């Protein structure tokens, strides 16, 4: 702890010396930023512990890719917070519900400098509706899935709903 305090004092007092030492560029101007970082509360759409796999499954379900914070940044933020809390591997999945041509629904990673974060993206409109018809919980998604016969799919969903007791 004593070293931490001394080093903080040195970086606060001589920031340019540290920057010039660590960055292989000719830098003479820097802006010292506040060191306290904000932790805004966020809520994941779904988190599941999978003990058999020693993993956490994290789901984010989006109607559209529009967001104040880009999805790759959000997913990295979620990953860090989840990992900090549970200290185990995390499988992340973003599920997009509404069909769109936006290139954002094809982005499955964030790469900035040495930082690389990747997650899985599912576009429901590309999923096989038959798979979704097999579970009552997934029936609402089945109507958004890939089909050549939308009316037939709606009838199938209605039949499956009738079977639910």
C-alpha atoms as a PDB file:
ATOM      1  CA  UNK A   1       0.000   0.000   0.000  1.00  0.00           C
ATOM      2  CA  UNK A   2       2.865   2.386   0.785  1.00  0.00           C
ATOM      3  CA  UNK A   3       4.224   1.891  -2.728  1.00  0.00           C
ATOM      4  CA  UNK A   4       0.771   2.631  -4.153  1.00  0.00           C
ATOM      5  CA  UNK A   5       0.619   5.952  -2.328  1.00  0.00           C
ATOM      6  CA  UNK A   6       4.145   6.939  -3.341  1.00  0.00           C
ATOM      7  CA  UNK A   7       3.503   6.011  -6.972  1.00  0.00           C
ATOM      8  CA  UNK A   8       0.205   7.892  -6.996  1.00  0.00           C
ATOM      9  CA  UNK A   9       2.012  10.939  -5.650  1.00  0.00           C
ATOM     10  CA  UNK A  10       4.665  10.613  -8.368  1.00  0.00           C
ATOM     11  CA  UNK A  11       2.134  10.178 -11.191  1.00  0.00           C
ATOM     12  CA  UNK A  12       0.087  13.111  -9.871  1.00  0.00           C
ATOM     13  CA  UNK A  13       3.158  15.332  -9.532  1.00  0.00           C
ATOM     14  CA  UNK A  14       5.091  14.228 -12.638  1.00  0.00           C
ATOM     15  CA  UNK A  15       2.527  12.846 -15.084  1.00  0.00           C
ATOM     16  CA  UNK A  16       4.456  13.822 -18.215  1.00  0.00           C
ATOM     17  CA  UNK A  17       7.519  11.893 -17.021  1.00  0.00           C
ATOM     18  CA  UNK A  18       5.455   8.701 -16.761  1.00  0.00           C
ATOM     19  CA  UNK A  19       3.795   9.241 -20.144  1.00  0.00           C
ATOM     20  CA  UNK A  20       7.111   9.880 -21.888  1.00  0.00           C
ATOM     21  CA  UNK A  21       8.624   6.797 -20.241  1.00  0.00           C
ATOM     22  CA  UNK A  22       5.758   4.450 -21.246  1.00  0.00           C
ATOM     23  CA  UNK A  23       4.694   5.782 -24.654  1.00  0.00           C
ATOM     24  CA  UNK A  24       7.172   5.432 -27.498  1.00  0.00           C
ATOM     25  CA  UNK A  25       6.152   8.755 -29.029  1.00  0.00           C
ATOM     26  CA  UNK A  26       7.330  12.317 -28.647  1.00  0.00           C
ATOM     27  CA  UNK A  27       4.605  13.636 -26.336  1.00  0.00           C
ATOM     28  CA  UNK A  28       4.822  17.002 -24.623  1.00  0.00           C
ATOM     29  CA  UNK A  29       1.185  17.705 -23.895  1.00  0.00           C
ATOM     30  CA  UNK A  30      -1.186  15.580 -21.829  1.00  0.00           C
ATOM     31  CA  UNK A  31      -4.483  16.007 -20.040  1.00  0.00           C
ATOM     32  CA  UNK A  32      -4.604  14.495 -16.572  1.00  0.00           C
ATOM     33  CA  UNK A  33      -7.990  12.829 -16.090  1.00  0.00           C
ATOM     34  CA  UNK A  34      -9.844  12.132 -12.842  1.00  0.00           C
ATOM     35  CA  UNK A  35      -8.823   8.734 -11.496  1.00  0.00           C
ATOM     36  CA  UNK A  36     -12.200   7.906  -9.957  1.00  0.00           C
ATOM     37  CA  UNK A  37     -14.158   6.000 -12.590  1.00  0.00           C
ATOM     38  CA  UNK A  38     -17.961   6.010 -12.646  1.00  0.00           C
ATOM     39  CA  UNK A  39     -19.837   2.799 -11.973  1.00  0.00           C
ATOM     40  CA  UNK A  40     -23.307   3.384 -13.323  1.00  0.00           C
ATOM     41  CA  UNK A  41     -25.734   0.637 -12.376  1.00  0.00           C
ATOM     42  CA  UNK A  42     -26.663  -1.636 -15.256  1.00  0.00           C
ATOM     43  CA  UNK A  43     -28.960  -4.644 -15.394  1.00  0.00           C
ATOM     44  CA  UNK A  44     -28.355  -7.644 -17.629  1.00  0.00           C
ATOM     45  CA  UNK A  45     -31.391  -9.091 -19.393  1.00  0.00           C
ATOM     46  CA  UNK A  46     -30.583 -12.611 -18.139  1.00  0.00           C
ATOM     47  CA  UNK A  47     -27.768 -14.341 -16.251  1.00  0.00           C
ATOM     48  CA  UNK A  48     -27.601 -18.102 -15.694  1.00  0.00           C
ATOM     49  CA  UNK A  49     -24.972 -20.067 -13.790  1.00  0.00           C
ATOM     50  CA  UNK A  50     -24.209 -23.375 -15.533  1.00  0.00           C
ATOM     51  CA  UNK A  51     -22.411 -25.420 -12.835  1.00  0.00           C
ATOM     52  CA  UNK A  52     -21.824 -28.445 -15.067  1.00  0.00           C
ATOM     53  CA  UNK A  53     -19.948 -26.234 -17.541  1.00  0.00           C
ATOM     54  CA  UNK A  54     -18.452 -23.967 -14.867  1.00  0.00           C
ATOM     55  CA  UNK A  55     -19.736 -20.996 -16.808  1.00  0.00           C
ATOM     56  CA  UNK A  56     -22.175 -18.095 -16.713  1.00  0.00           C
ATOM     57  CA  UNK A  57     -24.532 -17.535 -19.650  1.00  0.00           C
ATOM     58  CA  UNK A  58     -25.357 -13.859 -20.175  1.00  0.00           C
ATOM     59  CA  UNK A  59     -28.162 -12.842 -22.549  1.00  0.00           C
ATOM     60  CA  UNK A  60     -28.949  -9.415 -23.919  1.00  0.00           C
ATOM     61  CA  UNK A  61     -32.157  -9.278 -25.954  1.00  0.00           C
ATOM     62  CA  UNK A  62     -32.550  -6.320 -28.286  1.00  0.00           C
ATOM     63  CA  UNK A  63     -35.404  -5.290 -30.544  1.00  0.00           C
ATOM     64  CA  UNK A  64     -33.084  -3.156 -32.647  1.00  0.00           C
ATOM     65  CA  UNK A  65     -29.365  -2.378 -32.495  1.00  0.00           C
ATOM     66  CA  UNK A  66     -29.953   1.274 -31.560  1.00  0.00           C
ATOM     67  CA  UNK A  67     -28.346   2.182 -28.261  1.00  0.00           C
ATOM     68  CA  UNK A  68     -26.745   5.211 -26.623  1.00  0.00           C
ATOM     69  CA  UNK A  69     -23.689   3.079 -25.919  1.00  0.00           C
ATOM     70  CA  UNK A  70     -22.584   0.796 -28.774  1.00  0.00           C
ATOM     71  CA  UNK A  71     -23.381  -2.875 -28.133  1.00  0.00           C
ATOM     72  CA  UNK A  72     -19.723  -4.019 -28.198  1.00  0.00           C
ATOM     73  CA  UNK A  73     -18.853  -1.520 -25.452  1.00  0.00           C
ATOM     74  CA  UNK A  74     -21.896  -2.569 -23.424  1.00  0.00           C
ATOM     75  CA  UNK A  75     -21.000  -6.245 -23.740  1.00  0.00           C
ATOM     76  CA  UNK A  76     -17.454  -5.631 -22.527  1.00  0.00           C
ATOM     77  CA  UNK A  77     -18.827  -3.617 -19.600  1.00  0.00           C
ATOM     78  CA  UNK A  78     -21.242  -6.438 -18.705  1.00  0.00           C
ATOM     79  CA  UNK A  79     -18.461  -9.031 -19.053  1.00  0.00           C
ATOM     80  CA  UNK A  80     -16.148  -7.171 -16.716  1.00  0.00           C
ATOM     81  CA  UNK A  81     -18.802  -6.663 -14.067  1.00  0.00           C
ATOM     82  CA  UNK A  82     -20.022 -10.270 -14.256  1.00  0.00           C
ATOM     83  CA  UNK A  83     -16.489 -11.631 -14.156  1.00  0.00           C
ATOM     84  CA  UNK A  84     -15.547  -9.412 -11.230  1.00  0.00           C
ATOM     85  CA  UNK A  85     -18.518 -10.761  -9.276  1.00  0.00           C
ATOM     86  CA  UNK A  86     -18.393 -14.485 -10.187  1.00  0.00           C
ATOM     87  CA  UNK A  87     -14.775 -15.092 -11.329  1.00  0.00           C
ATOM     88  CA  UNK A  88     -15.658 -17.751 -13.890  1.00  0.00           C
ATOM     89  CA  UNK A  89     -15.901 -17.985 -17.690  1.00  0.00           C
ATOM     90  CA  UNK A  90     -18.805 -16.142 -19.309  1.00  0.00           C
ATOM     91  CA  UNK A  91     -20.608 -16.942 -22.531  1.00  0.00           C
ATOM     92  CA  UNK A  92     -22.374 -13.855 -23.831  1.00  0.00           C
ATOM     93  CA  UNK A  93     -25.155 -13.840 -26.406  1.00  0.00           C
ATOM     94  CA  UNK A  94     -26.919 -10.862 -27.947  1.00  0.00           C
ATOM     95  CA  UNK A  95     -30.280 -11.799 -29.462  1.00  0.00           C
ATOM     96  CA  UNK A  96     -31.671  -9.354 -32.014  1.00  0.00           C
ATOM     97  CA  UNK A  97     -35.423  -9.740 -32.523  1.00  0.00           C
ATOM     98  CA  UNK A  98     -36.421  -7.369 -35.306  1.00  0.00           C
ATOM     99  CA  UNK A  99     -35.077  -7.911 -38.808  1.00  0.00           C
ATOM    100  CA  UNK A 100     -32.911  -5.080 -40.045  1.00  0.00           C
ATOM    101  CA  UNK A 101     -30.184  -4.408 -42.566  1.00  0.00           C
ATOM    102  CA  UNK A 102     -28.204  -2.404 -40.025  1.00  0.00           C
ATOM    103  CA  UNK A 103     -24.554  -3.471 -40.040  1.00  0.00           C
ATOM    104  CA  UNK A 104     -24.644  -3.257 -36.227  1.00  0.00           C
ATOM    105  CA  UNK A 105     -26.439  -6.629 -35.970  1.00  0.00           C
ATOM    106  CA  UNK A 106     -23.409  -8.281 -37.571  1.00  0.00           C
ATOM    107  CA  UNK A 107     -20.905  -6.880 -35.069  1.00  0.00           C
ATOM    108  CA  UNK A 108     -19.809  -9.517 -32.556  1.00  0.00           C
ATOM    109  CA  UNK A 109     -16.653  -8.012 -31.076  1.00  0.00           C
ATOM    110  CA  UNK A 110     -14.848  -4.985 -29.789  1.00  0.00           C
ATOM    111  CA  UNK A 111     -11.220  -4.471 -30.718  1.00  0.00           C
ATOM    112  CA  UNK A 112      -9.475  -1.363 -29.424  1.00  0.00           C
ATOM    113  CA  UNK A 113      -5.692  -1.418 -29.190  1.00  0.00           C
ATOM    114  CA  UNK A 114      -4.680  -4.478 -27.165  1.00  0.00           C
ATOM    115  CA  UNK A 115      -8.218  -5.092 -25.927  1.00  0.00           C
ATOM    116  CA  UNK A 116     -10.304  -7.707 -27.711  1.00  0.00           C
ATOM    117  CA  UNK A 117     -13.741  -8.857 -26.595  1.00  0.00           C
ATOM    118  CA  UNK A 118     -16.021 -11.205 -28.530  1.00  0.00           C
ATOM    119  CA  UNK A 119     -19.571 -12.452 -27.994  1.00  0.00           C
ATOM    120  CA  UNK A 120     -22.182 -14.423 -29.922  1.00  0.00           C
ATOM    121  CA  UNK A 121     -24.895 -12.698 -31.954  1.00  0.00           C
ATOM    122  CA  UNK A 122     -28.184 -14.352 -32.880  1.00  0.00           C
ATOM    123  CA  UNK A 123     -30.476 -12.724 -35.405  1.00  0.00           C
ATOM    124  CA  UNK A 124     -33.819 -14.430 -34.716  1.00  0.00           C
ATOM    125  CA  UNK A 125     -35.039 -13.856 -38.286  1.00  0.00           C
ATOM    126  CA  UNK A 126     -32.224 -16.151 -39.457  1.00  0.00           C
ATOM    127  CA  UNK A 127     -33.068 -18.925 -36.970  1.00  0.00           C
ATOM    128  CA  UNK A 128     -34.965 -22.072 -37.937  1.00  0.00           C
ATOM    129  CA  UNK A 129     -38.530 -21.707 -36.667  1.00  0.00           C
ATOM    130  CA  UNK A 130     -38.775 -25.491 -36.092  1.00  0.00           C
ATOM    131  CA  UNK A 131     -36.226 -25.272 -33.289  1.00  0.00           C
ATOM    132  CA  UNK A 132     -38.182 -22.511 -31.579  1.00  0.00           C
ATOM    133  CA  UNK A 133     -41.496 -24.362 -31.949  1.00  0.00           C
ATOM    134  CA  UNK A 134     -40.207 -27.167 -29.701  1.00  0.00           C
ATOM    135  CA  UNK A 135     -40.433 -25.141 -26.484  1.00  0.00           C
ATOM    136  CA  UNK A 136     -43.506 -23.253 -25.230  1.00  0.00           C
ATOM    137  CA  UNK A 137     -41.202 -20.581 -23.804  1.00  0.00           C
ATOM    138  CA  UNK A 138     -39.737 -19.912 -27.252  1.00  0.00           C
ATOM    139  CA  UNK A 139     -43.053 -19.729 -29.161  1.00  0.00           C
ATOM    140  CA  UNK A 140     -43.115 -15.906 -29.108  1.00  0.00           C
ATOM    141  CA  UNK A 141     -39.734 -15.950 -30.871  1.00  0.00           C
ATOM    142  CA  UNK A 142     -40.832 -18.548 -33.426  1.00  0.00           C
ATOM    143  CA  UNK A 143     -43.069 -16.022 -35.196  1.00  0.00           C
ATOM    144  CA  UNK A 144     -39.981 -13.853 -35.763  1.00  0.00           C
ATOM    145  CA  UNK A 145     -37.904 -16.705 -37.174  1.00  0.00           C
ATOM    146  CA  UNK A 146     -37.048 -17.661 -40.737  1.00  0.00           C
ATOM    147  CA  UNK A 147     -39.907 -19.121 -42.768  1.00  0.00           C
ATOM    148  CA  UNK A 148     -41.067 -19.362 -46.366  1.00  0.00           C
ATOM    149  CA  UNK A 149     -44.675 -19.654 -45.223  1.00  0.00           C
ATOM    150  CA  UNK A 150     -45.480 -17.068 -42.540  1.00  0.00           C
ATOM    151  CA  UNK A 151     -49.185 -17.959 -42.362  1.00  0.00           C
ATOM    152  CA  UNK A 152     -48.387 -21.626 -41.853  1.00  0.00           C
ATOM    153  CA  UNK A 153     -45.897 -20.699 -39.135  1.00  0.00           C
ATOM    154  CA  UNK A 154     -48.526 -18.620 -37.330  1.00  0.00           C
ATOM    155  CA  UNK A 155     -50.913 -21.592 -37.486  1.00  0.00           C
ATOM    156  CA  UNK A 156     -48.214 -23.872 -36.064  1.00  0.00           C
ATOM    157  CA  UNK A 157     -47.574 -21.446 -33.225  1.00  0.00           C
ATOM    158  CA  UNK A 158     -51.316 -21.231 -32.522  1.00  0.00           C
ATOM    159  CA  UNK A 159     -51.537 -25.053 -32.429  1.00  0.00           C
ATOM    160  CA  UNK A 160     -48.614 -25.244 -30.015  1.00  0.00           C
ATOM    161  CA  UNK A 161     -50.182 -22.570 -27.806  1.00  0.00           C
ATOM    162  CA  UNK A 162     -53.422 -24.584 -27.707  1.00  0.00           C
ATOM    163  CA  UNK A 163     -51.429 -27.543 -26.317  1.00  0.00           C
ATOM    164  CA  UNK A 164     -50.208 -25.517 -23.334  1.00  0.00           C
ATOM    165  CA  UNK A 165     -52.098 -26.308 -20.150  1.00  0.00           C
END
